[in-house]
Amino acid sequence: MKTIINTLVILLVVINVQAQKPTHAEKLEKYRSEKVAFLTSKLDFNANEAEKFWPVYNQMEKEKWDIQKSRRTIEENIRDAGESLSEAEIIKLTRNFAGSMQKEADIMIKYNEKFLKILPPKKVLKLYQAENEFRVYMIKKFRDRHKNGN
């Protein structure tokens, strides 16, 4: 009887823990919200700048995300391929990978020009600095969380 009760208690604890884990979509939304708050605090937008900036920035993020998603598929193909690919297939994969990096760079160039039409140049520069600071902040947060076993 004790074994059955202990098993049920453990099962209930496991189910409860599983129910509390945020979904990927919830984690992504939390990340985005945190990023918006971080960038907003660093860039000190006025109302007009914010109104014009965020739709453009969000579109850039979506375009970058789509390219990064396709690059992850290429990376999976590279990882899964092993030694089974022909030289021609390997060349195609490397070109696709490098091409995805070029597409992302092209997006940055395109949106840099859009940002310069919306914000003063100093704020565009601060944007890039703030994005880098946010990336470092998130990496540190991730490492601290994993170091503490969470």
N, C-alpha and C. Protein backbone atom coordinates (compact mmCIF):
# COMPACT_ATOMS: atom_id res chain seq x y z
N MET A 1 0.82 -1.19 0.00
CA MET A 1 0.00 0.00 0.00
C MET A 1 0.87 1.27 0.00
N LYS A 2 1.96 1.25 0.80
CA LYS A 2 2.86 2.41 0.83
C LYS A 2 3.47 2.66 -0.55
N THR A 3 3.82 1.59 -1.23
CA THR A 3 4.41 1.72 -2.57
C THR A 3 3.44 2.38 -3.53
N ILE A 4 2.19 2.01 -3.47
CA ILE A 4 1.18 2.59 -4.36
C ILE A 4 1.00 4.07 -4.04
N ILE A 5 0.93 4.41 -2.77
CA ILE A 5 0.76 5.82 -2.38
C ILE A 5 1.98 6.63 -2.79
N ASN A 6 3.18 6.10 -2.55
CA ASN A 6 4.40 6.81 -2.96
C ASN A 6 4.44 7.00 -4.47
N THR A 7 4.05 5.98 -5.21
CA THR A 7 4.03 6.08 -6.67
C THR A 7 3.04 7.14 -7.12
N LEU A 8 1.86 7.18 -6.52
CA LEU A 8 0.87 8.19 -6.87
C LEU A 8 1.36 9.60 -6.56
N VAL A 9 1.99 9.75 -5.39
CA VAL A 9 2.52 11.07 -5.02
C VAL A 9 3.57 11.52 -6.04
N ILE A 10 4.48 10.63 -6.40
CA ILE A 10 5.52 10.96 -7.38
C ILE A 10 4.88 11.31 -8.72
N LEU A 11 3.89 10.53 -9.12
CA LEU A 11 3.20 10.78 -10.39
C LEU A 11 2.53 12.15 -10.38
N LEU A 12 1.87 12.50 -9.27
CA LEU A 12 1.22 13.80 -9.16
C LEU A 12 2.24 14.94 -9.21
N VAL A 13 3.37 14.76 -8.57
CA VAL A 13 4.42 15.78 -8.59
C VAL A 13 4.94 15.97 -10.01
N VAL A 14 5.19 14.87 -10.72
CA VAL A 14 5.68 14.95 -12.10
C VAL A 14 4.67 15.63 -13.00
N ILE A 15 3.40 15.28 -12.86
CA ILE A 15 2.35 15.90 -13.67
C ILE A 15 2.27 17.39 -13.37
N ASN A 16 2.35 17.76 -12.10
CA ASN A 16 2.31 19.16 -11.71
C ASN A 16 3.48 19.94 -12.29
N VAL A 17 4.66 19.37 -12.23
CA VAL A 17 5.86 20.03 -12.78
C VAL A 17 5.70 20.20 -14.29
N GLN A 18 5.22 19.17 -14.97
CA GLN A 18 5.03 19.25 -16.41
C GLN A 18 4.01 20.33 -16.77
N ALA A 19 2.95 20.43 -15.97
CA ALA A 19 1.90 21.41 -16.25
C ALA A 19 2.40 22.83 -16.08
N GLN A 20 3.44 23.04 -15.28
CA GLN A 20 3.94 24.38 -15.01
C GLN A 20 4.98 24.84 -16.03
N LYS A 21 5.51 23.95 -16.83
CA LYS A 21 6.52 24.35 -17.81
C LYS A 21 5.88 25.21 -18.90
N PRO A 22 6.48 26.37 -19.17
CA PRO A 22 5.92 27.21 -20.24
C PRO A 22 6.17 26.58 -21.61
N THR A 23 5.24 26.83 -22.52
CA THR A 23 5.38 26.32 -23.87
C THR A 23 6.44 27.13 -24.62
N HIS A 24 6.85 26.61 -25.76
CA HIS A 24 7.82 27.34 -26.59
C HIS A 24 7.27 28.71 -26.98
N ALA A 25 5.99 28.76 -27.34
CA ALA A 25 5.37 30.03 -27.74
C ALA A 25 5.37 31.02 -26.57
N GLU A 26 5.11 30.52 -25.37
CA GLU A 26 5.12 31.41 -24.20
C GLU A 26 6.52 31.92 -23.91
N LYS A 27 7.51 31.04 -24.04
CA LYS A 27 8.91 31.47 -23.83
C LYS A 27 9.30 32.51 -24.87
N LEU A 28 8.92 32.28 -26.11
CA LEU A 28 9.25 33.22 -27.18
C LEU A 28 8.58 34.58 -26.95
N GLU A 29 7.33 34.55 -26.52
CA GLU A 29 6.62 35.80 -26.25
C GLU A 29 7.26 36.54 -25.08
N LYS A 30 7.67 35.81 -24.05
CA LYS A 30 8.35 36.43 -22.91
C LYS A 30 9.67 37.06 -23.35
N TYR A 31 10.42 36.34 -24.19
CA TYR A 31 11.69 36.85 -24.72
C TYR A 31 11.44 38.15 -25.49
N ARG A 32 10.46 38.13 -26.37
CA ARG A 32 10.18 39.33 -27.18
C ARG A 32 9.76 40.51 -26.31
N SER A 33 8.92 40.25 -25.33
CA SER A 33 8.49 41.32 -24.43
C SER A 33 9.67 41.91 -23.67
N GLU A 34 10.53 41.02 -23.21
CA GLU A 34 11.71 41.48 -22.47
C GLU A 34 12.63 42.29 -23.39
N LYS A 35 12.75 41.87 -24.63
CA LYS A 35 13.60 42.59 -25.58
C LYS A 35 13.03 43.97 -25.88
N VAL A 36 11.73 44.06 -26.09
CA VAL A 36 11.08 45.35 -26.36
C VAL A 36 11.29 46.29 -25.17
N ALA A 37 11.09 45.79 -23.97
CA ALA A 37 11.28 46.63 -22.78
C ALA A 37 12.73 47.08 -22.66
N PHE A 38 13.65 46.17 -22.91
CA PHE A 38 15.08 46.48 -22.82
C PHE A 38 15.46 47.56 -23.84
N LEU A 39 15.07 47.35 -25.10
CA LEU A 39 15.42 48.32 -26.15
C LEU A 39 14.75 49.66 -25.90
N THR A 40 13.51 49.63 -25.47
CA THR A 40 12.79 50.88 -25.20
C THR A 40 13.49 51.68 -24.11
N SER A 41 13.93 51.00 -23.06
CA SER A 41 14.60 51.71 -21.98
C SER A 41 15.95 52.28 -22.42
N LYS A 42 16.65 51.58 -23.28
CA LYS A 42 17.97 52.04 -23.73
C LYS A 42 17.87 53.16 -24.76
N LEU A 43 16.81 53.14 -25.59
CA LEU A 43 16.75 54.09 -26.70
C LEU A 43 15.94 55.34 -26.39
N ASP A 44 15.14 55.32 -25.33
CA ASP A 44 14.41 56.51 -24.92
C ASP A 44 13.67 57.16 -26.08
N PHE A 45 12.78 56.40 -26.71
CA PHE A 45 12.00 56.89 -27.84
C PHE A 45 11.02 57.96 -27.41
N ASN A 46 10.78 58.93 -28.29
CA ASN A 46 9.62 59.79 -28.09
C ASN A 46 8.44 59.06 -28.76
N ALA A 47 7.24 59.57 -28.57
CA ALA A 47 6.04 58.87 -29.06
C ALA A 47 6.07 58.68 -30.58
N ASN A 48 6.50 59.69 -31.30
CA ASN A 48 6.54 59.62 -32.76
C ASN A 48 7.55 58.57 -33.23
N GLU A 49 8.72 58.55 -32.61
CA GLU A 49 9.74 57.57 -32.98
C GLU A 49 9.26 56.15 -32.71
N ALA A 50 8.68 55.95 -31.55
CA ALA A 50 8.20 54.61 -31.18
C ALA A 50 7.12 54.13 -32.14
N GLU A 51 6.21 55.01 -32.48
CA GLU A 51 5.10 54.65 -33.38
C GLU A 51 5.62 54.21 -34.75
N LYS A 52 6.66 54.87 -35.23
CA LYS A 52 7.21 54.53 -36.54
C LYS A 52 8.21 53.37 -36.48
N PHE A 53 8.95 53.31 -35.37
CA PHE A 53 10.03 52.34 -35.26
C PHE A 53 9.54 50.89 -35.10
N TRP A 54 8.62 50.64 -34.15
CA TRP A 54 8.29 49.26 -33.79
C TRP A 54 7.71 48.44 -34.93
N PRO A 55 6.82 48.97 -35.77
CA PRO A 55 6.35 48.13 -36.88
C PRO A 55 7.49 47.73 -37.84
N VAL A 56 8.41 48.65 -38.09
CA VAL A 56 9.55 48.36 -38.98
C VAL A 56 10.47 47.34 -38.32
N TYR A 57 10.77 47.55 -37.05
CA TYR A 57 11.65 46.64 -36.33
C TYR A 57 11.05 45.23 -36.27
N ASN A 58 9.75 45.16 -35.98
CA ASN A 58 9.09 43.85 -35.90
C ASN A 58 9.11 43.13 -37.25
N GLN A 59 8.95 43.87 -38.33
CA GLN A 59 9.03 43.26 -39.66
C GLN A 59 10.43 42.73 -39.93
N MET A 60 11.45 43.51 -39.55
CA MET A 60 12.83 43.06 -39.72
C MET A 60 13.06 41.77 -38.92
N GLU A 61 12.61 41.76 -37.68
CA GLU A 61 12.78 40.57 -36.84
C GLU A 61 12.11 39.35 -37.47
N LYS A 62 10.93 39.54 -38.05
CA LYS A 62 10.22 38.43 -38.70
C LYS A 62 11.02 37.91 -39.89
N GLU A 63 11.53 38.82 -40.71
CA GLU A 63 12.32 38.41 -41.87
C GLU A 63 13.59 37.68 -41.44
N LYS A 64 14.27 38.21 -40.43
CA LYS A 64 15.48 37.55 -39.93
C LYS A 64 15.14 36.18 -39.36
N TRP A 65 14.04 36.08 -38.62
CA TRP A 65 13.62 34.81 -38.03
C TRP A 65 13.38 33.77 -39.12
N ASP A 66 12.70 34.17 -40.19
CA ASP A 66 12.41 33.23 -41.29
C ASP A 66 13.70 32.70 -41.92
N ILE A 67 14.67 33.58 -42.10
CA ILE A 67 15.95 33.16 -42.69
C ILE A 67 16.71 32.26 -41.71
N GLN A 68 16.71 32.62 -40.44
CA GLN A 68 17.40 31.80 -39.45
C GLN A 68 16.75 30.42 -39.33
N LYS A 69 15.44 30.38 -39.47
CA LYS A 69 14.73 29.10 -39.43
C LYS A 69 15.15 28.22 -40.62
N SER A 70 15.24 28.81 -41.79
CA SER A 70 15.67 28.03 -42.96
C SER A 70 17.13 27.60 -42.82
N ARG A 71 17.95 28.45 -42.19
CA ARG A 71 19.36 28.08 -41.98
C ARG A 71 19.47 26.91 -41.00
N ARG A 72 18.60 26.90 -39.99
CA ARG A 72 18.61 25.76 -39.06
C ARG A 72 18.27 24.46 -39.79
N THR A 73 17.39 24.53 -40.77
CA THR A 73 17.06 23.35 -41.57
C THR A 73 18.29 22.90 -42.36
N ILE A 74 19.00 23.85 -42.92
CA ILE A 74 20.24 23.53 -43.65
C ILE A 74 21.25 22.90 -42.69
N GLU A 75 21.38 23.49 -41.50
CA GLU A 75 22.32 22.94 -40.50
C GLU A 75 21.94 21.51 -40.11
N GLU A 76 20.64 21.25 -39.99
CA GLU A 76 20.18 19.88 -39.69
C GLU A 76 20.55 18.93 -40.83
N ASN A 77 20.38 19.40 -42.06
CA ASN A 77 20.75 18.57 -43.22
C ASN A 77 22.25 18.27 -43.22
N ILE A 78 23.04 19.27 -42.87
CA ILE A 78 24.49 19.07 -42.80
C ILE A 78 24.83 18.06 -41.72
N ARG A 79 24.22 18.23 -40.55
CA ARG A 79 24.49 17.33 -39.42
C ARG A 79 24.04 15.90 -39.72
N ASP A 80 22.88 15.75 -40.34
CA ASP A 80 22.33 14.43 -40.61
C ASP A 80 22.96 13.74 -41.80
N ALA A 81 23.65 14.51 -42.64
CA ALA A 81 24.18 13.96 -43.88
C ALA A 81 25.33 12.99 -43.66
N GLY A 82 26.17 13.32 -42.71
CA GLY A 82 27.33 12.45 -42.47
C GLY A 82 28.18 12.37 -43.72
N GLU A 83 28.59 11.17 -44.04
CA GLU A 83 29.46 10.94 -45.19
C GLU A 83 28.68 10.52 -46.43
N SER A 84 27.36 10.56 -46.36
CA SER A 84 26.55 10.01 -47.45
C SER A 84 26.37 10.95 -48.64
N LEU A 85 26.77 12.20 -48.51
CA LEU A 85 26.54 13.15 -49.59
C LEU A 85 27.65 13.12 -50.63
N SER A 86 27.24 13.39 -51.85
CA SER A 86 28.23 13.53 -52.91
C SER A 86 28.89 14.90 -52.79
N GLU A 87 29.97 15.08 -53.50
CA GLU A 87 30.66 16.37 -53.47
C GLU A 87 29.75 17.49 -53.97
N ALA A 88 28.97 17.21 -55.01
CA ALA A 88 28.05 18.21 -55.57
C ALA A 88 26.98 18.60 -54.54
N GLU A 89 26.47 17.62 -53.79
CA GLU A 89 25.47 17.91 -52.76
C GLU A 89 26.08 18.72 -51.62
N ILE A 90 27.31 18.41 -51.28
CA ILE A 90 28.00 19.17 -50.22
C ILE A 90 28.20 20.62 -50.67
N ILE A 91 28.61 20.81 -51.89
CA ILE A 91 28.80 22.16 -52.42
C ILE A 91 27.49 22.93 -52.39
N LYS A 92 26.41 22.26 -52.77
CA LYS A 92 25.08 22.91 -52.76
C LYS A 92 24.71 23.32 -51.33
N LEU A 93 24.93 22.44 -50.35
CA LEU A 93 24.62 22.76 -48.96
C LEU A 93 25.45 23.95 -48.46
N THR A 94 26.75 23.95 -48.78
CA THR A 94 27.59 25.06 -48.32
C THR A 94 27.16 26.37 -48.95
N ARG A 95 26.78 26.33 -50.20
CA ARG A 95 26.31 27.55 -50.88
C ARG A 95 24.98 28.03 -50.29
N ASN A 96 24.09 27.09 -49.99
CA ASN A 96 22.82 27.45 -49.36
C ASN A 96 23.05 28.09 -47.99
N PHE A 97 23.98 27.51 -47.24
CA PHE A 97 24.29 28.05 -45.91
C PHE A 97 24.86 29.45 -46.03
N ALA A 98 25.86 29.62 -46.87
CA ALA A 98 26.47 30.94 -47.05
C ALA A 98 25.45 31.93 -47.61
N GLY A 99 24.58 31.46 -48.49
CA GLY A 99 23.53 32.32 -49.05
C GLY A 99 22.57 32.81 -47.99
N SER A 100 22.26 31.96 -47.02
CA SER A 100 21.36 32.38 -45.95
C SER A 100 22.02 33.47 -45.09
N MET A 101 23.32 33.36 -44.90
CA MET A 101 24.04 34.41 -44.16
C MET A 101 24.01 35.72 -44.95
N GLN A 102 24.16 35.62 -46.26
CA GLN A 102 24.12 36.81 -47.11
C GLN A 102 22.73 37.46 -47.07
N LYS A 103 21.69 36.63 -47.09
CA LYS A 103 20.32 37.17 -47.02
C LYS A 103 20.11 37.94 -45.72
N GLU A 104 20.62 37.39 -44.64
CA GLU A 104 20.47 38.07 -43.35
C GLU A 104 21.24 39.40 -43.35
N ALA A 105 22.41 39.40 -43.94
CA ALA A 105 23.19 40.65 -44.05
C ALA A 105 22.44 41.67 -44.91
N ASP A 106 21.84 41.20 -46.00
CA ASP A 106 21.08 42.10 -46.88
C ASP A 106 19.89 42.72 -46.14
N ILE A 107 19.26 41.93 -45.29
CA ILE A 107 18.15 42.46 -44.48
C ILE A 107 18.66 43.55 -43.54
N MET A 108 19.79 43.34 -42.92
CA MET A 108 20.35 44.34 -42.02
C MET A 108 20.65 45.64 -42.76
N ILE A 109 21.19 45.52 -43.95
CA ILE A 109 21.50 46.72 -44.76
C ILE A 109 20.21 47.46 -45.12
N LYS A 110 19.21 46.70 -45.56
CA LYS A 110 17.92 47.30 -45.95
C LYS A 110 17.28 48.02 -44.76
N TYR A 111 17.26 47.37 -43.61
CA TYR A 111 16.59 47.97 -42.45
C TYR A 111 17.42 49.07 -41.81
N ASN A 112 18.72 49.03 -41.94
CA ASN A 112 19.54 50.13 -41.45
C ASN A 112 19.09 51.43 -42.13
N GLU A 113 18.88 51.36 -43.43
CA GLU A 113 18.43 52.55 -44.16
C GLU A 113 17.05 53.00 -43.70
N LYS A 114 16.17 52.05 -43.43
CA LYS A 114 14.83 52.40 -42.94
C LYS A 114 14.91 53.05 -41.55
N PHE A 115 15.76 52.50 -40.70
CA PHE A 115 15.92 53.06 -39.36
C PHE A 115 16.46 54.48 -39.42
N LEU A 116 17.41 54.72 -40.35
CA LEU A 116 17.98 56.06 -40.48
C LEU A 116 16.95 57.09 -40.95
N LYS A 117 15.86 56.63 -41.58
CA LYS A 117 14.78 57.54 -41.98
C LYS A 117 13.81 57.81 -40.82
N ILE A 118 13.83 56.93 -39.82
CA ILE A 118 12.90 57.04 -38.70
C ILE A 118 13.55 57.70 -37.48
N LEU A 119 14.81 57.33 -37.23
CA LEU A 119 15.51 57.74 -36.02
C LEU A 119 16.74 58.58 -36.35
N PRO A 120 17.18 59.39 -35.42
CA PRO A 120 18.47 60.07 -35.60
C PRO A 120 19.58 59.01 -35.68
N PRO A 121 20.64 59.28 -36.43
CA PRO A 121 21.72 58.30 -36.57
C PRO A 121 22.29 57.79 -35.25
N LYS A 122 22.39 58.68 -34.25
CA LYS A 122 22.91 58.24 -32.95
C LYS A 122 22.03 57.18 -32.31
N LYS A 123 20.71 57.30 -32.52
CA LYS A 123 19.80 56.29 -31.95
C LYS A 123 19.90 54.97 -32.71
N VAL A 124 20.16 55.03 -34.01
CA VAL A 124 20.36 53.79 -34.76
C VAL A 124 21.59 53.07 -34.24
N LEU A 125 22.64 53.82 -34.01
CA LEU A 125 23.85 53.23 -33.45
C LEU A 125 23.57 52.67 -32.05
N LYS A 126 22.81 53.42 -31.24
CA LYS A 126 22.44 52.94 -29.90
C LYS A 126 21.59 51.67 -29.98
N LEU A 127 20.77 51.58 -31.04
CA LEU A 127 19.96 50.37 -31.24
C LEU A 127 20.85 49.15 -31.36
N TYR A 128 21.88 49.25 -32.20
CA TYR A 128 22.78 48.11 -32.40
C TYR A 128 23.54 47.78 -31.12
N GLN A 129 23.94 48.81 -30.41
CA GLN A 129 24.61 48.58 -29.13
C GLN A 129 23.67 47.91 -28.13
N ALA A 130 22.43 48.38 -28.09
CA ALA A 130 21.45 47.83 -27.15
C ALA A 130 21.10 46.38 -27.51
N GLU A 131 21.00 46.09 -28.81
CA GLU A 131 20.74 44.70 -29.21
C GLU A 131 21.88 43.78 -28.74
N ASN A 132 23.10 44.26 -28.89
CA ASN A 132 24.25 43.48 -28.44
C ASN A 132 24.23 43.31 -26.92
N GLU A 133 23.93 44.37 -26.21
CA GLU A 133 23.83 44.29 -24.75
C GLU A 133 22.75 43.30 -24.33
N PHE A 134 21.63 43.32 -25.05
CA PHE A 134 20.54 42.40 -24.73
C PHE A 134 20.97 40.95 -24.97
N ARG A 135 21.67 40.73 -26.06
CA ARG A 135 22.16 39.37 -26.37
C ARG A 135 23.09 38.88 -25.25
N VAL A 136 24.01 39.72 -24.82
CA VAL A 136 24.93 39.37 -23.74
C VAL A 136 24.16 39.13 -22.45
N TYR A 137 23.19 39.99 -22.17
CA TYR A 137 22.35 39.84 -20.98
C TYR A 137 21.62 38.50 -20.99
N MET A 138 21.04 38.13 -22.14
CA MET A 138 20.29 36.87 -22.23
C MET A 138 21.21 35.66 -22.11
N ILE A 139 22.38 35.73 -22.68
CA ILE A 139 23.34 34.62 -22.55
C ILE A 139 23.73 34.45 -21.10
N LYS A 140 24.01 35.55 -20.43
CA LYS A 140 24.37 35.48 -19.00
C LYS A 140 23.21 34.92 -18.19
N LYS A 141 22.02 35.37 -18.48
CA LYS A 141 20.83 34.89 -17.77
C LYS A 141 20.65 33.38 -17.99
N PHE A 142 20.83 32.94 -19.21
CA PHE A 142 20.72 31.51 -19.55
C PHE A 142 21.76 30.70 -18.80
N ARG A 143 23.00 31.17 -18.82
CA ARG A 143 24.08 30.46 -18.12
C ARG A 143 23.83 30.40 -16.62
N ASP A 144 23.40 31.52 -16.04
CA ASP A 144 23.13 31.55 -14.60
C ASP A 144 22.00 30.58 -14.25
N ARG A 145 20.97 30.57 -15.07
CA ARG A 145 19.84 29.68 -14.81
C ARG A 145 20.27 28.22 -14.87
N HIS A 146 21.08 27.87 -15.85
CA HIS A 146 21.54 26.48 -15.97
C HIS A 146 22.57 26.12 -14.91
N LYS A 147 23.36 27.10 -14.52
CA LYS A 147 24.35 26.86 -13.47
C LYS A 147 23.64 26.57 -12.13
N ASN A 148 22.51 27.23 -11.93
CA ASN A 148 21.75 27.03 -10.69
C ASN A 148 20.77 25.87 -10.78
N GLY A 149 20.78 25.16 -11.92
CA GLY A 149 19.96 23.96 -12.07
C GLY A 149 18.51 24.20 -12.42
N ASN A 150 18.17 25.37 -12.92
CA ASN A 150 16.78 25.66 -13.29
C ASN A 150 16.57 25.47 -14.76
